[in-house]
């Protein structure tokens, strides 16, 4: 079994990681931690520096996840990608790598926020080529 954990720097994401670590140990599954940070065009003034800062946050998020996996005694792979849509990157990665299950957290949003921004978890559930476990 191959499990992909979609991480951001939120509490629900790390609850999802905790759940996935337990599943990986029980099922002897391959576990991949993935995070996606926004990628801005480099020609936009000052956005190159913003992208670099977001990449550093992504690296710290993966490092924190890796540390949790090591404590649990679970071997992992890590993926950091830049992209416009985290959901799209997650779904594409799952398809290309024959992932059996995506595990991710969900942050509750207000109605207007959900309408304007959408939900990464909702998009992944809709378009993923595999099962998705959403942890709150």
N, C-alpha and C. Protein backbone atom coordinates (compact mmCIF):
# COMPACT_ATOMS: atom_id res chain seq x y z
N UNK A 1 0.84 -1.18 0.00
CA UNK A 1 0.00 0.00 0.00
C UNK A 1 0.88 1.24 0.00
N UNK A 2 0.49 2.24 -0.79
CA UNK A 2 1.21 3.51 -0.84
C UNK A 2 0.30 4.61 -0.32
N UNK A 3 0.78 5.33 0.70
CA UNK A 3 0.02 6.41 1.32
C UNK A 3 0.74 7.73 1.08
N UNK A 4 -0.02 8.73 0.67
CA UNK A 4 0.50 10.09 0.49
C UNK A 4 -0.14 10.98 1.54
N UNK A 5 0.69 11.66 2.33
CA UNK A 5 0.19 12.61 3.32
C UNK A 5 0.43 14.02 2.80
N UNK A 6 -0.65 14.76 2.63
CA UNK A 6 -0.55 16.15 2.17
C UNK A 6 -0.41 17.04 3.41
N UNK A 7 0.73 17.70 3.51
CA UNK A 7 1.02 18.52 4.69
C UNK A 7 1.03 20.00 4.36
N UNK A 8 0.45 20.78 5.25
CA UNK A 8 0.73 22.21 5.29
C UNK A 8 1.13 22.45 6.75
N UNK A 9 1.26 23.65 7.15
CA UNK A 9 1.76 23.90 8.51
C UNK A 9 0.61 24.06 9.50
N UNK A 10 -0.46 23.28 9.35
CA UNK A 10 -1.64 23.42 10.21
C UNK A 10 -1.76 22.24 11.18
N UNK A 11 -2.48 22.46 12.27
CA UNK A 11 -2.74 21.38 13.23
C UNK A 11 -3.48 20.21 12.58
N UNK A 12 -4.54 20.46 11.78
CA UNK A 12 -5.22 19.32 11.15
C UNK A 12 -4.29 18.49 10.26
N UNK A 13 -3.35 19.12 9.59
CA UNK A 13 -2.41 18.38 8.74
C UNK A 13 -1.54 17.44 9.58
N UNK A 14 -1.12 17.90 10.74
CA UNK A 14 -0.28 17.06 11.58
C UNK A 14 -1.09 15.99 12.32
N UNK A 15 -2.39 16.24 12.53
CA UNK A 15 -3.27 15.18 13.02
C UNK A 15 -3.40 14.10 11.94
N UNK A 16 -3.50 14.53 10.69
CA UNK A 16 -3.57 13.59 9.57
C UNK A 16 -2.28 12.77 9.49
N UNK A 17 -1.14 13.41 9.69
CA UNK A 17 0.13 12.70 9.68
C UNK A 17 0.16 11.64 10.77
N UNK A 18 -0.30 12.00 11.96
CA UNK A 18 -0.34 11.05 13.07
C UNK A 18 -1.17 9.82 12.70
N UNK A 19 -2.33 10.06 12.09
CA UNK A 19 -3.20 8.97 11.65
C UNK A 19 -2.49 8.11 10.59
N UNK A 20 -1.86 8.77 9.63
CA UNK A 20 -1.17 8.06 8.55
C UNK A 20 0.01 7.24 9.07
N UNK A 21 0.72 7.76 10.06
CA UNK A 21 1.84 7.02 10.63
C UNK A 21 1.35 5.72 11.26
N UNK A 22 0.23 5.80 11.98
CA UNK A 22 -0.35 4.59 12.57
C UNK A 22 -0.76 3.58 11.51
N UNK A 23 -1.38 4.07 10.44
CA UNK A 23 -1.80 3.20 9.34
C UNK A 23 -0.59 2.57 8.65
N UNK A 24 0.44 3.37 8.43
CA UNK A 24 1.64 2.88 7.74
C UNK A 24 2.31 1.77 8.54
N UNK A 25 2.38 1.95 9.86
CA UNK A 25 2.98 0.92 10.70
C UNK A 25 2.16 -0.37 10.65
N UNK A 26 0.85 -0.22 10.78
CA UNK A 26 -0.04 -1.38 10.82
C UNK A 26 -0.05 -2.13 9.49
N UNK A 27 -0.09 -1.39 8.39
CA UNK A 27 -0.19 -1.99 7.06
C UNK A 27 1.16 -2.22 6.38
N UNK A 28 2.25 -1.77 7.04
CA UNK A 28 3.58 -1.82 6.44
C UNK A 28 3.58 -1.12 5.07
N UNK A 29 2.99 0.05 5.07
CA UNK A 29 2.79 0.82 3.84
C UNK A 29 3.98 1.73 3.56
N UNK A 30 4.14 2.07 2.28
CA UNK A 30 5.10 3.11 1.88
C UNK A 30 4.43 4.45 2.14
N UNK A 31 5.16 5.35 2.78
CA UNK A 31 4.58 6.64 3.17
C UNK A 31 5.37 7.78 2.54
N UNK A 32 4.66 8.69 1.90
CA UNK A 32 5.26 9.87 1.30
C UNK A 32 4.62 11.11 1.91
N UNK A 33 5.45 12.05 2.34
CA UNK A 33 4.96 13.34 2.83
C UNK A 33 5.13 14.35 1.71
N UNK A 34 4.09 15.12 1.45
CA UNK A 34 4.13 16.09 0.36
C UNK A 34 3.60 17.43 0.84
N UNK A 35 4.28 18.48 0.42
CA UNK A 35 3.76 19.83 0.65
C UNK A 35 3.91 20.62 -0.65
N UNK A 36 2.99 21.55 -0.85
CA UNK A 36 2.98 22.38 -2.05
C UNK A 36 2.97 23.84 -1.59
N UNK A 37 3.88 24.62 -2.14
CA UNK A 37 3.89 26.05 -1.81
C UNK A 37 3.55 26.85 -3.07
N UNK A 38 2.95 28.03 -2.88
CA UNK A 38 2.57 28.85 -4.04
C UNK A 38 3.78 29.28 -4.85
N UNK A 39 3.65 29.22 -6.15
CA UNK A 39 4.72 29.61 -7.06
C UNK A 39 4.29 30.86 -7.81
N UNK A 40 5.01 31.95 -7.58
CA UNK A 40 4.69 33.21 -8.25
C UNK A 40 5.63 33.43 -9.42
N UNK A 41 5.17 34.10 -10.47
CA UNK A 41 6.06 34.42 -11.59
C UNK A 41 7.24 35.26 -11.11
N UNK A 42 8.45 34.90 -11.55
CA UNK A 42 9.64 35.60 -11.08
C UNK A 42 9.73 37.04 -11.57
N UNK A 43 9.07 37.35 -12.66
CA UNK A 43 9.18 38.70 -13.19
C UNK A 43 8.32 39.71 -12.45
N UNK A 44 7.46 39.25 -11.56
CA UNK A 44 6.63 40.16 -10.77
C UNK A 44 7.51 40.75 -9.67
N UNK A 45 7.46 42.05 -9.49
CA UNK A 45 8.32 42.72 -8.52
C UNK A 45 8.21 42.17 -7.11
N UNK A 46 9.31 41.74 -6.55
CA UNK A 46 9.37 41.29 -5.17
C UNK A 46 8.82 39.90 -4.91
N UNK A 47 8.20 39.30 -5.89
CA UNK A 47 7.58 38.00 -5.66
C UNK A 47 8.58 36.85 -5.63
N UNK A 48 9.75 37.06 -6.23
CA UNK A 48 10.79 36.03 -6.18
C UNK A 48 11.20 35.78 -4.73
N UNK A 49 11.33 36.87 -3.97
CA UNK A 49 11.69 36.75 -2.56
C UNK A 49 10.55 36.10 -1.76
N UNK A 50 9.31 36.43 -2.09
CA UNK A 50 8.16 35.81 -1.42
C UNK A 50 8.14 34.31 -1.68
N UNK A 51 8.39 33.91 -2.91
CA UNK A 51 8.43 32.49 -3.25
C UNK A 51 9.52 31.78 -2.46
N UNK A 52 10.68 32.41 -2.33
CA UNK A 52 11.78 31.82 -1.57
C UNK A 52 11.38 31.63 -0.10
N UNK A 53 10.69 32.62 0.46
CA UNK A 53 10.23 32.50 1.85
C UNK A 53 9.22 31.37 2.01
N UNK A 54 8.31 31.25 1.06
CA UNK A 54 7.31 30.18 1.11
C UNK A 54 7.96 28.81 0.96
N UNK A 55 9.01 28.74 0.16
CA UNK A 55 9.75 27.49 0.00
C UNK A 55 10.41 27.10 1.33
N UNK A 56 10.94 28.07 2.05
CA UNK A 56 11.55 27.79 3.35
C UNK A 56 10.52 27.26 4.34
N UNK A 57 9.31 27.83 4.32
CA UNK A 57 8.24 27.34 5.18
C UNK A 57 7.90 25.90 4.81
N UNK A 58 7.84 25.61 3.52
CA UNK A 58 7.55 24.25 3.05
C UNK A 58 8.63 23.28 3.53
N UNK A 59 9.88 23.68 3.44
CA UNK A 59 10.99 22.83 3.89
C UNK A 59 10.90 22.55 5.39
N UNK A 60 10.54 23.58 6.17
CA UNK A 60 10.39 23.40 7.62
C UNK A 60 9.21 22.48 7.93
N UNK A 61 8.14 22.59 7.16
CA UNK A 61 6.97 21.73 7.36
C UNK A 61 7.34 20.27 7.11
N UNK A 62 8.05 20.02 6.03
CA UNK A 62 8.49 18.65 5.72
C UNK A 62 9.47 18.15 6.78
N UNK A 63 10.36 19.00 7.25
CA UNK A 63 11.32 18.60 8.29
C UNK A 63 10.59 18.20 9.57
N UNK A 64 9.56 18.96 9.92
CA UNK A 64 8.76 18.64 11.11
C UNK A 64 8.06 17.29 10.92
N UNK A 65 7.50 17.07 9.74
CA UNK A 65 6.85 15.79 9.44
C UNK A 65 7.83 14.63 9.48
N UNK A 66 9.01 14.86 8.93
CA UNK A 66 10.05 13.83 8.92
C UNK A 66 10.46 13.47 10.35
N UNK A 67 10.56 14.48 11.21
CA UNK A 67 10.91 14.25 12.60
C UNK A 67 9.84 13.39 13.30
N UNK A 68 8.57 13.70 13.04
CA UNK A 68 7.48 12.91 13.62
C UNK A 68 7.54 11.46 13.13
N UNK A 69 7.83 11.27 11.86
CA UNK A 69 7.92 9.92 11.29
C UNK A 69 9.08 9.15 11.92
N UNK A 70 10.21 9.82 12.12
CA UNK A 70 11.37 9.17 12.74
C UNK A 70 11.04 8.74 14.16
N UNK A 71 10.34 9.61 14.91
CA UNK A 71 9.94 9.26 16.28
C UNK A 71 9.05 8.02 16.28
N UNK A 72 8.20 7.90 15.26
CA UNK A 72 7.28 6.76 15.16
C UNK A 72 7.94 5.53 14.56
N UNK A 73 9.16 5.68 14.07
CA UNK A 73 9.87 4.55 13.48
C UNK A 73 9.36 4.17 12.10
N UNK A 74 8.87 5.17 11.35
CA UNK A 74 8.33 4.92 10.01
C UNK A 74 9.22 5.59 8.98
N UNK A 75 9.67 4.82 8.00
CA UNK A 75 10.48 5.38 6.90
C UNK A 75 9.56 6.13 5.94
N UNK A 76 10.05 7.25 5.43
CA UNK A 76 9.22 8.07 4.53
C UNK A 76 10.03 8.55 3.34
N UNK A 77 9.29 8.99 2.33
CA UNK A 77 9.84 9.76 1.23
C UNK A 77 9.24 11.15 1.39
N UNK A 78 9.91 12.16 0.83
CA UNK A 78 9.37 13.52 0.91
C UNK A 78 9.31 14.16 -0.47
N UNK A 79 8.31 15.01 -0.65
CA UNK A 79 8.12 15.73 -1.90
C UNK A 79 7.74 17.17 -1.56
N UNK A 80 8.48 18.12 -2.14
CA UNK A 80 8.13 19.54 -2.04
C UNK A 80 7.95 20.04 -3.46
N UNK A 81 6.78 20.61 -3.74
CA UNK A 81 6.51 21.13 -5.08
C UNK A 81 6.00 22.56 -5.00
N UNK A 82 6.29 23.31 -6.04
CA UNK A 82 5.73 24.64 -6.20
C UNK A 82 4.57 24.52 -7.18
N UNK A 83 3.51 25.28 -6.94
CA UNK A 83 2.39 25.21 -7.86
C UNK A 83 1.32 26.23 -7.55
N UNK A 84 0.46 26.43 -8.52
CA UNK A 84 -0.65 27.37 -8.38
C UNK A 84 -1.76 26.76 -7.52
N UNK A 85 -1.99 25.46 -7.67
CA UNK A 85 -3.08 24.78 -6.97
C UNK A 85 -2.53 23.57 -6.22
N UNK A 86 -2.56 23.65 -4.89
CA UNK A 86 -2.08 22.53 -4.09
C UNK A 86 -2.87 21.27 -4.42
N UNK A 87 -4.18 21.41 -4.56
CA UNK A 87 -5.02 20.24 -4.85
C UNK A 87 -4.60 19.58 -6.16
N UNK A 88 -4.36 20.38 -7.18
CA UNK A 88 -3.96 19.83 -8.48
C UNK A 88 -2.63 19.08 -8.37
N UNK A 89 -1.66 19.68 -7.67
CA UNK A 89 -0.36 19.02 -7.50
C UNK A 89 -0.51 17.68 -6.76
N UNK A 90 -1.32 17.67 -5.71
CA UNK A 90 -1.52 16.46 -4.92
C UNK A 90 -2.16 15.36 -5.77
N UNK A 91 -3.21 15.72 -6.50
CA UNK A 91 -3.92 14.75 -7.35
C UNK A 91 -3.00 14.20 -8.44
N UNK A 92 -2.23 15.08 -9.08
CA UNK A 92 -1.31 14.63 -10.13
C UNK A 92 -0.25 13.69 -9.57
N UNK A 93 0.31 14.05 -8.42
CA UNK A 93 1.33 13.20 -7.80
C UNK A 93 0.75 11.82 -7.47
N UNK A 94 -0.45 11.81 -6.93
CA UNK A 94 -1.09 10.53 -6.58
C UNK A 94 -1.27 9.66 -7.82
N UNK A 95 -1.70 10.26 -8.91
CA UNK A 95 -1.90 9.51 -10.15
C UNK A 95 -0.61 8.98 -10.74
N UNK A 96 0.41 9.82 -10.79
CA UNK A 96 1.69 9.43 -11.39
C UNK A 96 2.41 8.36 -10.58
N UNK A 97 2.15 8.32 -9.27
CA UNK A 97 2.90 7.43 -8.39
C UNK A 97 2.07 6.26 -7.85
N UNK A 98 0.92 6.03 -8.46
CA UNK A 98 0.06 4.90 -8.06
C UNK A 98 -0.23 4.87 -6.57
N UNK A 99 -0.56 6.03 -6.01
CA UNK A 99 -0.89 6.14 -4.60
C UNK A 99 -2.23 5.45 -4.34
N UNK A 100 -2.30 4.69 -3.25
CA UNK A 100 -3.54 3.99 -2.89
C UNK A 100 -4.45 4.84 -2.01
N UNK A 101 -3.85 5.72 -1.20
CA UNK A 101 -4.65 6.56 -0.31
C UNK A 101 -3.94 7.88 -0.03
N UNK A 102 -4.71 8.95 -0.07
CA UNK A 102 -4.23 10.27 0.33
C UNK A 102 -4.82 10.55 1.70
N UNK A 103 -3.98 11.01 2.62
CA UNK A 103 -4.43 11.39 3.96
C UNK A 103 -4.10 12.86 4.12
N UNK A 104 -5.11 13.64 4.53
CA UNK A 104 -4.89 15.08 4.67
C UNK A 104 -5.81 15.66 5.74
N UNK A 105 -5.42 16.81 6.24
CA UNK A 105 -6.24 17.51 7.21
C UNK A 105 -7.20 18.45 6.51
N UNK A 106 -8.15 18.97 7.28
CA UNK A 106 -9.13 19.91 6.74
C UNK A 106 -9.32 21.03 7.75
N UNK A 107 -9.13 22.26 7.29
CA UNK A 107 -9.37 23.43 8.12
C UNK A 107 -10.76 23.95 7.80
N UNK A 108 -11.58 24.12 8.82
CA UNK A 108 -12.92 24.65 8.59
C UNK A 108 -12.84 26.09 8.15
N UNK A 109 -13.61 26.43 7.14
CA UNK A 109 -13.66 27.80 6.64
C UNK A 109 -15.09 28.29 6.71
N UNK A 110 -15.24 29.59 6.77
CA UNK A 110 -16.58 30.17 6.74
C UNK A 110 -17.16 29.98 5.35
N UNK A 111 -18.46 30.16 5.23
CA UNK A 111 -19.13 29.99 3.94
C UNK A 111 -18.54 30.86 2.85
N UNK A 112 -18.31 32.14 3.14
CA UNK A 112 -17.78 33.07 2.14
C UNK A 112 -16.34 32.70 1.77
N UNK A 113 -15.55 32.35 2.75
CA UNK A 113 -14.16 31.97 2.50
C UNK A 113 -14.10 30.72 1.62
N UNK A 114 -14.96 29.75 1.91
CA UNK A 114 -15.01 28.53 1.11
C UNK A 114 -15.45 28.84 -0.31
N UNK A 115 -16.42 29.74 -0.44
CA UNK A 115 -16.94 30.11 -1.76
C UNK A 115 -15.86 30.80 -2.60
N UNK A 116 -15.11 31.70 -1.99
CA UNK A 116 -14.11 32.47 -2.73
C UNK A 116 -12.83 31.68 -2.98
N UNK A 117 -12.40 30.92 -2.01
CA UNK A 117 -11.11 30.23 -2.10
C UNK A 117 -11.28 28.76 -2.47
N UNK A 118 -12.31 28.14 -1.99
CA UNK A 118 -12.49 26.71 -2.20
C UNK A 118 -11.75 25.93 -1.14
N UNK A 119 -11.91 24.65 -1.15
CA UNK A 119 -11.28 23.79 -0.17
C UNK A 119 -10.32 22.85 -0.88
N UNK A 120 -9.07 22.86 -0.45
CA UNK A 120 -8.09 21.94 -1.04
C UNK A 120 -8.57 20.50 -0.82
N UNK A 121 -9.01 20.20 0.40
CA UNK A 121 -9.48 18.84 0.68
C UNK A 121 -10.66 18.47 -0.21
N UNK A 122 -11.59 19.39 -0.38
CA UNK A 122 -12.76 19.13 -1.23
C UNK A 122 -12.36 18.83 -2.66
N UNK A 123 -11.42 19.58 -3.19
CA UNK A 123 -10.96 19.36 -4.56
C UNK A 123 -10.22 18.03 -4.68
N UNK A 124 -9.41 17.69 -3.69
CA UNK A 124 -8.69 16.42 -3.72
C UNK A 124 -9.68 15.26 -3.67
N UNK A 125 -10.67 15.35 -2.78
CA UNK A 125 -11.68 14.29 -2.68
C UNK A 125 -12.39 14.12 -4.02
N UNK A 126 -12.70 15.22 -4.68
CA UNK A 126 -13.43 15.18 -5.95
C UNK A 126 -12.61 14.57 -7.09
N UNK A 127 -11.34 14.91 -7.17
CA UNK A 127 -10.55 14.55 -8.35
C UNK A 127 -9.49 13.46 -8.14
N UNK A 128 -9.25 13.04 -6.93
CA UNK A 128 -8.20 12.05 -6.67
C UNK A 128 -8.50 10.71 -7.34
N UNK A 129 -7.45 10.05 -7.83
CA UNK A 129 -7.61 8.74 -8.47
C UNK A 129 -7.62 7.59 -7.46
N UNK A 130 -7.71 7.93 -6.17
CA UNK A 130 -7.64 6.91 -5.12
C UNK A 130 -8.52 7.34 -3.95
N UNK A 131 -8.52 6.53 -2.90
CA UNK A 131 -9.26 6.88 -1.69
C UNK A 131 -8.60 8.07 -1.00
N UNK A 132 -9.41 8.86 -0.31
CA UNK A 132 -8.91 10.02 0.43
C UNK A 132 -9.48 9.98 1.84
N UNK A 133 -8.60 10.08 2.83
CA UNK A 133 -9.02 10.17 4.23
C UNK A 133 -8.78 11.60 4.68
N UNK A 134 -9.86 12.28 5.07
CA UNK A 134 -9.76 13.66 5.54
C UNK A 134 -9.90 13.64 7.05
N UNK A 135 -8.90 14.19 7.74
CA UNK A 135 -8.85 14.19 9.20
C UNK A 135 -9.11 15.59 9.71
N UNK A 136 -9.96 15.68 10.74
CA UNK A 136 -10.24 16.99 11.37
C UNK A 136 -9.68 17.02 12.76
